[in-house]
Amino acid sequence: MNERTIRLRGDERITVRPMTAGDAEAVRTAFDHLSPASLRSRFFTPMPRMPRSVAADLTLVDDRRIVLLALDEAGEVIGEARAVRLRQDPTAAEIAVTVDDAHQHRGVGSALMRILRREAERAGIERLTGNILTDNAAAQALLLRGDAKASFAEPGVLGFEIPLGQTTGARRAAAAVEPLGLAS
């Protein structure tokens, strides 16, 4: 994947690119600046300080992972999206998207998700899976826009799956309407 420039709501431009091994410190710093609520949404538990093992996993670059970073105009990491192939089924990948507090609700997560889906399909991944907290309305909205099928995994947690490489009924309907100029 090549580096891409994306325009956010409010006309700010960000850069989205794959993470490299040299990004480890910037990624750790970005996670260290997340609010307690954002950390809880991402890791499902209060986390006053990120354990070294979690930080090491977040910054690992290998052929099982697709990790995209969103950088602001100053080059600071403001978001990341990852798809990690499941060992038991390499056609599936568990995903997570994280956006810093100042950039939430501005389109960063949606942009990262769109690009992550394309990159996962190119890598031969057939479906994306994961879990979100039931009180994470922003993540639920993002998943609904992404054709996710969700079900309760355990109390307070929704499990989801997003099929790739398929055109859903909603997308077919939108594609049929767009050429007529009726889609927004």
N, C-alpha and C. Protein backbone atom coordinates (compact mmCIF):
# COMPACT_ATOMS: atom_id res chain seq x y z
N MET A 1 0.84 -1.18 0.00
CA MET A 1 0.00 0.00 0.00
C MET A 1 0.88 1.24 0.00
N ASN A 2 0.47 2.19 -0.76
CA ASN A 2 1.17 3.47 -0.78
C ASN A 2 0.55 4.40 0.25
N GLU A 3 1.30 5.40 0.64
CA GLU A 3 0.82 6.43 1.54
C GLU A 3 -0.34 7.17 0.86
N ARG A 4 -1.38 7.50 1.65
CA ARG A 4 -2.53 8.22 1.12
C ARG A 4 -2.82 9.42 1.99
N THR A 5 -3.28 10.48 1.35
CA THR A 5 -3.73 11.66 2.07
C THR A 5 -5.26 11.64 2.06
N ILE A 6 -5.84 11.85 3.22
CA ILE A 6 -7.29 11.83 3.40
C ILE A 6 -7.71 13.17 3.96
N ARG A 7 -8.82 13.70 3.48
CA ARG A 7 -9.37 14.94 4.04
C ARG A 7 -10.47 14.58 5.03
N LEU A 8 -10.36 15.10 6.24
CA LEU A 8 -11.34 14.84 7.30
C LEU A 8 -12.42 15.91 7.30
N ARG A 9 -13.44 15.66 8.09
CA ARG A 9 -14.43 16.70 8.34
C ARG A 9 -13.68 17.88 8.96
N GLY A 10 -13.99 19.07 8.55
CA GLY A 10 -13.27 20.24 9.05
C GLY A 10 -12.08 20.57 8.18
N ASP A 11 -11.89 19.84 7.10
CA ASP A 11 -10.88 20.08 6.07
C ASP A 11 -9.44 19.78 6.50
N GLU A 12 -9.24 19.17 7.67
CA GLU A 12 -7.89 18.75 8.05
C GLU A 12 -7.47 17.57 7.17
N ARG A 13 -6.21 17.54 6.82
CA ARG A 13 -5.68 16.43 6.02
C ARG A 13 -4.82 15.54 6.91
N ILE A 14 -4.99 14.24 6.72
CA ILE A 14 -4.16 13.27 7.44
C ILE A 14 -3.50 12.36 6.42
N THR A 15 -2.47 11.70 6.85
CA THR A 15 -1.78 10.71 6.02
C THR A 15 -2.05 9.34 6.61
N VAL A 16 -2.37 8.38 5.75
CA VAL A 16 -2.55 7.00 6.16
C VAL A 16 -1.49 6.18 5.44
N ARG A 17 -0.76 5.38 6.22
CA ARG A 17 0.30 4.55 5.64
C ARG A 17 0.50 3.31 6.51
N PRO A 18 1.18 2.30 5.96
CA PRO A 18 1.48 1.11 6.77
C PRO A 18 2.46 1.45 7.89
N MET A 19 2.31 0.77 9.00
CA MET A 19 3.25 0.92 10.10
C MET A 19 4.55 0.20 9.74
N THR A 20 5.67 0.77 10.17
CA THR A 20 6.97 0.14 10.00
C THR A 20 7.57 -0.11 11.39
N ALA A 21 8.61 -0.90 11.44
CA ALA A 21 9.27 -1.17 12.72
C ALA A 21 9.77 0.12 13.37
N GLY A 22 10.11 1.11 12.57
CA GLY A 22 10.59 2.38 13.10
C GLY A 22 9.53 3.24 13.76
N ASP A 23 8.26 2.83 13.66
CA ASP A 23 7.16 3.59 14.25
C ASP A 23 6.84 3.20 15.69
N ALA A 24 7.56 2.25 16.25
CA ALA A 24 7.21 1.69 17.56
C ALA A 24 7.06 2.77 18.64
N GLU A 25 8.01 3.66 18.75
CA GLU A 25 7.94 4.68 19.80
C GLU A 25 6.76 5.62 19.60
N ALA A 26 6.50 6.02 18.35
CA ALA A 26 5.37 6.91 18.06
C ALA A 26 4.04 6.24 18.38
N VAL A 27 3.94 4.95 18.11
CA VAL A 27 2.70 4.22 18.41
C VAL A 27 2.52 4.11 19.92
N ARG A 28 3.59 3.77 20.64
CA ARG A 28 3.48 3.69 22.11
C ARG A 28 3.07 5.04 22.69
N THR A 29 3.67 6.11 22.18
CA THR A 29 3.33 7.46 22.66
C THR A 29 1.86 7.78 22.40
N ALA A 30 1.37 7.43 21.22
CA ALA A 30 -0.03 7.70 20.89
C ALA A 30 -0.96 6.96 21.85
N PHE A 31 -0.67 5.70 22.14
CA PHE A 31 -1.51 4.94 23.07
C PHE A 31 -1.40 5.49 24.48
N ASP A 32 -0.23 5.98 24.87
CA ASP A 32 -0.06 6.57 26.20
C ASP A 32 -0.89 7.82 26.39
N HIS A 33 -1.27 8.50 25.28
CA HIS A 33 -2.04 9.74 25.38
C HIS A 33 -3.54 9.53 25.27
N LEU A 34 -3.99 8.28 25.12
CA LEU A 34 -5.43 8.03 25.06
C LEU A 34 -6.06 8.23 26.43
N SER A 35 -7.30 8.68 26.43
CA SER A 35 -8.03 8.87 27.69
C SER A 35 -8.36 7.50 28.29
N PRO A 36 -8.67 7.46 29.58
CA PRO A 36 -9.08 6.19 30.19
C PRO A 36 -10.28 5.57 29.46
N ALA A 37 -11.23 6.40 29.01
CA ALA A 37 -12.40 5.87 28.30
C ALA A 37 -12.00 5.24 26.97
N SER A 38 -11.09 5.86 26.25
CA SER A 38 -10.63 5.30 24.98
C SER A 38 -9.84 4.02 25.18
N LEU A 39 -9.01 3.98 26.21
CA LEU A 39 -8.27 2.75 26.52
C LEU A 39 -9.22 1.62 26.89
N ARG A 40 -10.26 1.94 27.67
CA ARG A 40 -11.24 0.92 28.05
C ARG A 40 -11.97 0.40 26.82
N SER A 41 -12.34 1.29 25.90
CA SER A 41 -13.02 0.86 24.68
C SER A 41 -12.13 -0.05 23.84
N ARG A 42 -10.85 0.23 23.82
CA ARG A 42 -9.93 -0.56 22.99
C ARG A 42 -9.54 -1.88 23.64
N PHE A 43 -9.28 -1.87 24.96
CA PHE A 43 -8.76 -3.06 25.63
C PHE A 43 -9.74 -3.73 26.58
N PHE A 44 -10.95 -3.17 26.73
CA PHE A 44 -12.05 -3.74 27.53
C PHE A 44 -11.77 -3.76 29.03
N THR A 45 -10.81 -3.01 29.47
CA THR A 45 -10.49 -2.97 30.89
C THR A 45 -9.83 -1.64 31.19
N PRO A 46 -10.00 -1.11 32.39
CA PRO A 46 -9.25 0.09 32.75
C PRO A 46 -7.75 -0.22 32.67
N MET A 47 -7.00 0.70 32.11
CA MET A 47 -5.58 0.47 31.93
C MET A 47 -4.83 1.77 32.19
N PRO A 48 -4.44 2.03 33.44
CA PRO A 48 -3.74 3.28 33.73
C PRO A 48 -2.38 3.35 33.04
N ARG A 49 -1.76 2.23 32.83
CA ARG A 49 -0.46 2.18 32.15
C ARG A 49 -0.43 0.91 31.30
N MET A 50 0.00 1.05 30.07
CA MET A 50 0.02 -0.08 29.16
C MET A 50 1.17 -1.02 29.53
N PRO A 51 0.85 -2.31 29.74
CA PRO A 51 1.92 -3.28 30.02
C PRO A 51 2.88 -3.40 28.83
N ARG A 52 4.14 -3.67 29.11
CA ARG A 52 5.15 -3.80 28.05
C ARG A 52 4.76 -4.85 27.02
N SER A 53 4.16 -5.95 27.47
CA SER A 53 3.79 -7.02 26.53
C SER A 53 2.75 -6.53 25.53
N VAL A 54 1.80 -5.71 25.98
CA VAL A 54 0.78 -5.15 25.08
C VAL A 54 1.43 -4.17 24.11
N ALA A 55 2.31 -3.32 24.63
CA ALA A 55 3.00 -2.36 23.77
C ALA A 55 3.85 -3.08 22.72
N ALA A 56 4.50 -4.15 23.11
CA ALA A 56 5.32 -4.92 22.16
C ALA A 56 4.45 -5.52 21.07
N ASP A 57 3.29 -6.04 21.44
CA ASP A 57 2.38 -6.63 20.45
C ASP A 57 1.83 -5.56 19.51
N LEU A 58 1.52 -4.38 20.04
CA LEU A 58 0.98 -3.30 19.21
C LEU A 58 1.98 -2.79 18.18
N THR A 59 3.25 -2.96 18.43
CA THR A 59 4.26 -2.42 17.53
C THR A 59 4.96 -3.49 16.71
N LEU A 60 4.49 -4.72 16.79
CA LEU A 60 5.08 -5.81 16.03
C LEU A 60 4.70 -5.70 14.56
N VAL A 61 5.68 -5.83 13.70
CA VAL A 61 5.46 -5.81 12.26
C VAL A 61 5.86 -7.20 11.75
N ASP A 62 4.90 -7.92 11.16
CA ASP A 62 5.19 -9.22 10.57
C ASP A 62 4.19 -9.52 9.47
N ASP A 63 4.32 -10.69 8.84
CA ASP A 63 3.48 -11.00 7.69
C ASP A 63 2.07 -11.44 8.08
N ARG A 64 1.76 -11.61 9.36
CA ARG A 64 0.41 -11.95 9.80
C ARG A 64 -0.45 -10.70 10.02
N ARG A 65 0.16 -9.53 10.02
CA ARG A 65 -0.52 -8.29 10.40
C ARG A 65 -0.54 -7.27 9.28
N ILE A 66 -1.66 -6.60 9.20
CA ILE A 66 -1.75 -5.38 8.40
C ILE A 66 -2.02 -4.29 9.42
N VAL A 67 -1.11 -3.35 9.54
CA VAL A 67 -1.29 -2.26 10.51
C VAL A 67 -1.13 -0.95 9.76
N LEU A 68 -2.17 -0.13 9.84
CA LEU A 68 -2.16 1.19 9.20
C LEU A 68 -2.11 2.26 10.27
N LEU A 69 -1.36 3.30 10.00
CA LEU A 69 -1.30 4.44 10.91
C LEU A 69 -1.91 5.66 10.23
N ALA A 70 -2.61 6.46 11.02
CA ALA A 70 -3.09 7.77 10.58
C ALA A 70 -2.23 8.80 11.29
N LEU A 71 -1.67 9.72 10.50
CA LEU A 71 -0.78 10.75 11.05
C LEU A 71 -1.35 12.13 10.74
N ASP A 72 -1.26 13.02 11.71
CA ASP A 72 -1.72 14.38 11.47
C ASP A 72 -0.68 15.14 10.64
N GLU A 73 -0.94 16.41 10.38
CA GLU A 73 -0.05 17.20 9.53
C GLU A 73 1.34 17.38 10.15
N ALA A 74 1.45 17.22 11.47
CA ALA A 74 2.74 17.32 12.15
C ALA A 74 3.47 15.97 12.17
N GLY A 75 2.83 14.93 11.65
CA GLY A 75 3.45 13.61 11.63
C GLY A 75 3.22 12.78 12.88
N GLU A 76 2.33 13.25 13.76
CA GLU A 76 2.01 12.51 14.99
C GLU A 76 0.96 11.44 14.70
N VAL A 77 1.09 10.28 15.35
CA VAL A 77 0.11 9.21 15.19
C VAL A 77 -1.18 9.61 15.89
N ILE A 78 -2.27 9.64 15.12
CA ILE A 78 -3.58 9.98 15.69
C ILE A 78 -4.56 8.82 15.60
N GLY A 79 -4.15 7.75 14.95
CA GLY A 79 -5.02 6.58 14.85
C GLY A 79 -4.28 5.40 14.26
N GLU A 80 -4.84 4.23 14.50
CA GLU A 80 -4.28 3.03 13.90
C GLU A 80 -5.39 2.02 13.70
N ALA A 81 -5.20 1.20 12.68
CA ALA A 81 -6.14 0.10 12.40
C ALA A 81 -5.30 -1.12 12.09
N ARG A 82 -5.75 -2.24 12.60
CA ARG A 82 -4.98 -3.47 12.40
C ARG A 82 -5.88 -4.65 12.09
N ALA A 83 -5.35 -5.53 11.30
CA ALA A 83 -5.98 -6.82 11.02
C ALA A 83 -4.90 -7.87 11.25
N VAL A 84 -5.14 -8.78 12.19
CA VAL A 84 -4.17 -9.82 12.52
C VAL A 84 -4.79 -11.16 12.15
N ARG A 85 -4.14 -11.86 11.22
CA ARG A 85 -4.65 -13.16 10.78
C ARG A 85 -4.76 -14.11 11.97
N LEU A 86 -5.85 -14.86 11.98
CA LEU A 86 -6.04 -15.86 13.02
C LEU A 86 -5.17 -17.08 12.70
N ARG A 87 -4.48 -17.59 13.69
CA ARG A 87 -3.61 -18.76 13.46
C ARG A 87 -4.42 -19.97 13.00
N GLN A 88 -5.59 -20.17 13.58
CA GLN A 88 -6.39 -21.34 13.25
C GLN A 88 -7.11 -21.21 11.90
N ASP A 89 -7.21 -19.98 11.37
CA ASP A 89 -7.86 -19.75 10.08
C ASP A 89 -7.26 -18.50 9.43
N PRO A 90 -6.21 -18.66 8.62
CA PRO A 90 -5.54 -17.49 8.03
C PRO A 90 -6.37 -16.72 7.01
N THR A 91 -7.59 -17.22 6.68
CA THR A 91 -8.46 -16.45 5.80
C THR A 91 -9.29 -15.44 6.60
N ALA A 92 -9.14 -15.46 7.92
CA ALA A 92 -9.85 -14.52 8.79
C ALA A 92 -8.83 -13.71 9.57
N ALA A 93 -9.21 -12.49 9.91
CA ALA A 93 -8.33 -11.63 10.70
C ALA A 93 -9.14 -10.87 11.74
N GLU A 94 -8.58 -10.77 12.93
CA GLU A 94 -9.20 -9.98 13.98
C GLU A 94 -8.75 -8.53 13.79
N ILE A 95 -9.70 -7.62 13.91
CA ILE A 95 -9.39 -6.21 13.67
C ILE A 95 -9.60 -5.37 14.91
N ALA A 96 -8.94 -4.22 14.90
CA ALA A 96 -9.13 -3.20 15.92
C ALA A 96 -8.80 -1.86 15.28
N VAL A 97 -9.57 -0.86 15.66
CA VAL A 97 -9.34 0.51 15.18
C VAL A 97 -9.30 1.41 16.41
N THR A 98 -8.28 2.25 16.48
CA THR A 98 -8.13 3.17 17.60
C THR A 98 -7.86 4.57 17.06
N VAL A 99 -8.56 5.56 17.62
CA VAL A 99 -8.39 6.95 17.20
C VAL A 99 -8.20 7.79 18.46
N ASP A 100 -7.23 8.70 18.41
CA ASP A 100 -7.00 9.54 19.59
C ASP A 100 -8.23 10.39 19.88
N ASP A 101 -8.34 10.80 21.12
CA ASP A 101 -9.54 11.48 21.57
C ASP A 101 -9.85 12.75 20.79
N ALA A 102 -8.86 13.52 20.44
CA ALA A 102 -9.08 14.79 19.73
C ALA A 102 -9.59 14.59 18.32
N HIS A 103 -9.40 13.41 17.74
CA HIS A 103 -9.81 13.18 16.35
C HIS A 103 -11.01 12.24 16.22
N GLN A 104 -11.59 11.84 17.33
CA GLN A 104 -12.77 10.97 17.26
C GLN A 104 -13.95 11.74 16.68
N HIS A 105 -14.82 11.03 15.98
CA HIS A 105 -16.04 11.58 15.35
C HIS A 105 -15.71 12.57 14.23
N ARG A 106 -14.56 12.39 13.59
CA ARG A 106 -14.18 13.29 12.49
C ARG A 106 -13.89 12.52 11.21
N GLY A 107 -14.11 11.21 11.22
CA GLY A 107 -13.93 10.42 10.01
C GLY A 107 -12.64 9.63 9.94
N VAL A 108 -11.78 9.73 10.96
CA VAL A 108 -10.52 8.99 10.94
C VAL A 108 -10.78 7.48 10.98
N GLY A 109 -11.63 7.04 11.91
CA GLY A 109 -11.93 5.61 12.02
C GLY A 109 -12.54 5.05 10.75
N SER A 110 -13.46 5.80 10.16
CA SER A 110 -14.10 5.35 8.91
C SER A 110 -13.08 5.24 7.79
N ALA A 111 -12.19 6.21 7.67
CA ALA A 111 -11.16 6.16 6.62
C ALA A 111 -10.23 4.99 6.84
N LEU A 112 -9.79 4.79 8.08
CA LEU A 112 -8.91 3.66 8.37
C LEU A 112 -9.60 2.33 8.07
N MET A 113 -10.86 2.23 8.43
CA MET A 113 -11.60 0.99 8.20
C MET A 113 -11.74 0.70 6.71
N ARG A 114 -12.05 1.70 5.92
CA ARG A 114 -12.18 1.51 4.46
C ARG A 114 -10.88 1.00 3.86
N ILE A 115 -9.78 1.63 4.23
CA ILE A 115 -8.49 1.24 3.67
C ILE A 115 -8.08 -0.13 4.20
N LEU A 116 -8.32 -0.40 5.47
CA LEU A 116 -7.99 -1.70 6.05
C LEU A 116 -8.74 -2.82 5.33
N ARG A 117 -10.01 -2.59 5.05
CA ARG A 117 -10.79 -3.61 4.32
C ARG A 117 -10.16 -3.92 2.97
N ARG A 118 -9.81 -2.87 2.22
CA ARG A 118 -9.20 -3.07 0.90
C ARG A 118 -7.89 -3.83 1.00
N GLU A 119 -7.06 -3.44 1.97
CA GLU A 119 -5.77 -4.10 2.13
C GLU A 119 -5.94 -5.55 2.57
N ALA A 120 -6.91 -5.81 3.42
CA ALA A 120 -7.17 -7.18 3.86
C ALA A 120 -7.63 -8.05 2.67
N GLU A 121 -8.53 -7.51 1.85
CA GLU A 121 -8.97 -8.26 0.67
C GLU A 121 -7.79 -8.56 -0.25
N ARG A 122 -6.95 -7.57 -0.48
CA ARG A 122 -5.76 -7.78 -1.33
C ARG A 122 -4.85 -8.85 -0.78
N ALA A 123 -4.82 -8.98 0.54
CA ALA A 123 -3.96 -9.98 1.19
C ALA A 123 -4.62 -11.36 1.26
N GLY A 124 -5.81 -11.49 0.69
CA GLY A 124 -6.48 -12.79 0.68
C GLY A 124 -7.31 -13.09 1.91
N ILE A 125 -7.56 -12.09 2.72
CA ILE A 125 -8.41 -12.29 3.90
C ILE A 125 -9.86 -12.23 3.44
N GLU A 126 -10.66 -13.20 3.89
CA GLU A 126 -12.05 -13.31 3.47
C GLU A 126 -13.05 -12.71 4.45
N ARG A 127 -12.64 -12.60 5.70
CA ARG A 127 -13.54 -11.99 6.68
C ARG A 127 -12.76 -11.39 7.84
N LEU A 128 -13.33 -10.32 8.38
CA LEU A 128 -12.75 -9.63 9.52
C LEU A 128 -13.61 -9.93 10.73
N THR A 129 -13.00 -10.15 11.87
CA THR A 129 -13.74 -10.47 13.09
C THR A 129 -13.24 -9.59 14.22
N GLY A 130 -13.98 -9.60 15.31
CA GLY A 130 -13.54 -8.88 16.49
C GLY A 130 -14.63 -8.76 17.51
N ASN A 131 -14.37 -7.96 18.52
CA ASN A 131 -15.31 -7.71 19.60
C ASN A 131 -15.30 -6.23 19.94
N ILE A 132 -16.45 -5.73 20.36
CA ILE A 132 -16.55 -4.37 20.85
C ILE A 132 -17.44 -4.37 22.09
N LEU A 133 -17.27 -3.37 22.92
CA LEU A 133 -18.13 -3.23 24.08
C LEU A 133 -19.51 -2.75 23.64
N THR A 134 -20.54 -3.23 24.30
CA THR A 134 -21.90 -2.85 23.92
C THR A 134 -22.17 -1.37 24.13
N ASP A 135 -21.40 -0.69 24.98
CA ASP A 135 -21.62 0.74 25.19
C ASP A 135 -20.77 1.61 24.26
N ASN A 136 -20.09 1.00 23.29
CA ASN A 136 -19.26 1.75 22.35
C ASN A 136 -20.09 2.06 21.09
N ALA A 137 -20.90 3.11 21.18
CA ALA A 137 -21.82 3.47 20.09
C ALA A 137 -21.08 3.84 18.81
N ALA A 138 -19.94 4.51 18.91
CA ALA A 138 -19.20 4.90 17.71
C ALA A 138 -18.71 3.67 16.95
N ALA A 139 -18.19 2.68 17.67
CA ALA A 139 -17.72 1.46 17.01
C ALA A 139 -18.89 0.70 16.40
N GLN A 140 -20.02 0.67 17.09
CA GLN A 140 -21.19 0.00 16.53
C GLN A 140 -21.63 0.66 15.23
N ALA A 141 -21.64 1.98 15.19
CA ALA A 141 -22.03 2.69 13.97
C ALA A 141 -21.05 2.40 12.84
N LEU A 142 -19.77 2.38 13.15
CA LEU A 142 -18.74 2.08 12.15
C LEU A 142 -18.94 0.67 11.59
N LEU A 143 -19.24 -0.27 12.45
CA LEU A 143 -19.45 -1.64 12.00
C LEU A 143 -20.71 -1.80 11.17
N LEU A 144 -21.76 -1.11 11.55
CA LEU A 144 -23.00 -1.19 10.78
C LEU A 144 -22.80 -0.66 9.36
N ARG A 145 -22.05 0.43 9.24
CA ARG A 145 -21.74 0.96 7.91
C ARG A 145 -20.87 0.00 7.12
N GLY A 146 -20.15 -0.88 7.81
CA GLY A 146 -19.25 -1.82 7.16
C GLY A 146 -19.84 -3.19 6.96
N ASP A 147 -21.16 -3.33 7.01
CA ASP A 147 -21.84 -4.60 6.75
C ASP A 147 -21.53 -5.70 7.77
N ALA A 148 -21.21 -5.33 8.99
CA ALA A 148 -20.90 -6.32 10.01
C ALA A 148 -22.16 -7.06 10.46
N LYS A 149 -21.94 -8.31 10.78
CA LYS A 149 -22.97 -9.12 11.43
C LYS A 149 -22.51 -9.26 12.87
N ALA A 150 -23.36 -8.85 13.81
CA ALA A 150 -22.97 -8.85 15.22
C ALA A 150 -23.90 -9.72 16.04
N SER A 151 -23.35 -10.23 17.13
CA SER A 151 -24.13 -11.01 18.09
C SER A 151 -23.48 -10.85 19.45
N PHE A 152 -24.24 -11.12 20.50
CA PHE A 152 -23.69 -11.00 21.83
C PHE A 152 -22.69 -12.12 22.07
N ALA A 153 -21.47 -11.75 22.43
CA ALA A 153 -20.42 -12.73 22.69
C ALA A 153 -20.40 -13.12 24.16
N GLU A 154 -20.64 -12.14 25.02
CA GLU A 154 -20.69 -12.33 26.46
C GLU A 154 -21.30 -11.06 27.04
N PRO A 155 -21.66 -11.04 28.31
CA PRO A 155 -22.26 -9.83 28.85
C PRO A 155 -21.39 -8.60 28.59
N GLY A 156 -21.99 -7.59 27.96
CA GLY A 156 -21.31 -6.34 27.69
C GLY A 156 -20.44 -6.33 26.45
N VAL A 157 -20.39 -7.45 25.71
CA VAL A 157 -19.51 -7.54 24.55
C VAL A 157 -20.26 -8.08 23.34
N LEU A 158 -20.09 -7.38 22.22
CA LEU A 158 -20.62 -7.86 20.94
C LEU A 158 -19.48 -8.45 20.13
N GLY A 159 -19.71 -9.62 19.57
CA GLY A 159 -18.78 -10.18 18.60
C GLY A 159 -19.28 -9.79 17.22
N PHE A 160 -18.38 -9.62 16.27
CA PHE A 160 -18.82 -9.24 14.92
C PHE A 160 -17.98 -9.94 13.87
N GLU A 161 -18.54 -10.00 12.68
CA GLU A 161 -17.84 -10.52 11.52
C GLU A 161 -18.22 -9.68 10.31
N ILE A 162 -17.24 -9.34 9.52
CA ILE A 162 -17.45 -8.56 8.30
C ILE A 162 -16.96 -9.41 7.13
N PRO A 163 -17.88 -9.85 6.28
CA PRO A 163 -17.43 -10.61 5.10
C PRO A 163 -16.78 -9.68 4.09
N LEU A 164 -15.71 -10.12 3.47
CA LEU A 164 -15.03 -9.33 2.45
C LEU A 164 -15.26 -9.96 1.09
N GLY A 165 -15.10 -9.16 0.05
CA GLY A 165 -15.20 -9.68 -1.30
C GLY A 165 -16.61 -9.98 -1.73
N GLN A 166 -17.59 -9.50 -0.99
CA GLN A 166 -18.98 -9.71 -1.34
C GLN A 166 -19.67 -8.37 -1.39
N THR A 167 -20.59 -8.24 -2.30
CA THR A 167 -21.39 -7.03 -2.37
C THR A 167 -22.71 -7.32 -1.67
N THR A 168 -23.00 -6.56 -0.64
CA THR A 168 -24.23 -6.77 0.10
C THR A 168 -25.40 -6.13 -0.61
N GLY A 169 -26.58 -6.46 -0.19
CA GLY A 169 -27.79 -5.87 -0.76
C GLY A 169 -27.78 -4.36 -0.65
N ALA A 170 -27.36 -3.83 0.49
CA ALA A 170 -27.33 -2.38 0.68
C ALA A 170 -26.35 -1.73 -0.29
N ARG A 171 -25.20 -2.36 -0.48
CA ARG A 171 -24.23 -1.79 -1.42
C ARG A 171 -24.72 -1.89 -2.85
N ARG A 172 -25.36 -3.01 -3.21
CA ARG A 172 -25.90 -3.14 -4.57
C ARG A 172 -26.95 -2.07 -4.82
N ALA A 173 -27.82 -1.83 -3.82
CA ALA A 173 -28.86 -0.81 -3.97
C ALA A 173 -28.25 0.58 -4.14
N ALA A 174 -27.22 0.88 -3.32
CA ALA A 174 -26.55 2.18 -3.43
C ALA A 174 -25.87 2.33 -4.79
N ALA A 175 -25.23 1.26 -5.25
CA ALA A 175 -24.55 1.32 -6.55
C ALA A 175 -25.57 1.54 -7.66
N ALA A 176 -26.75 0.95 -7.53
CA ALA A 176 -27.76 1.10 -8.56
C ALA A 176 -28.33 2.54 -8.58
N VAL A 177 -28.36 3.20 -7.42
CA VAL A 177 -28.91 4.53 -7.33
C VAL A 177 -27.89 5.60 -7.67
N GLU A 178 -26.62 5.40 -7.31
CA GLU A 178 -25.61 6.44 -7.51
C GLU A 178 -25.51 6.96 -8.95
N PRO A 179 -25.55 6.11 -9.99
CA PRO A 179 -25.42 6.67 -11.33
C PRO A 179 -26.54 7.65 -11.69
N LEU A 180 -27.66 7.56 -11.01
CA LEU A 180 -28.76 8.46 -11.29
C LEU A 180 -28.64 9.77 -10.52
N GLY A 181 -27.62 9.86 -9.68
CA GLY A 181 -27.41 11.08 -8.90
C GLY A 181 -28.35 11.20 -7.72
N LEU A 182 -28.92 10.06 -7.28
CA LEU A 182 -29.85 10.11 -6.17
C LEU A 182 -29.21 9.81 -4.83
N ALA A 183 -28.01 9.25 -4.82
CA ALA A 183 -27.34 8.92 -3.56
C ALA A 183 -26.66 10.17 -3.01
N SER A 184 -26.58 10.26 -1.72
CA SER A 184 -25.91 11.41 -1.11
C SER A 184 -24.47 11.10 -0.84
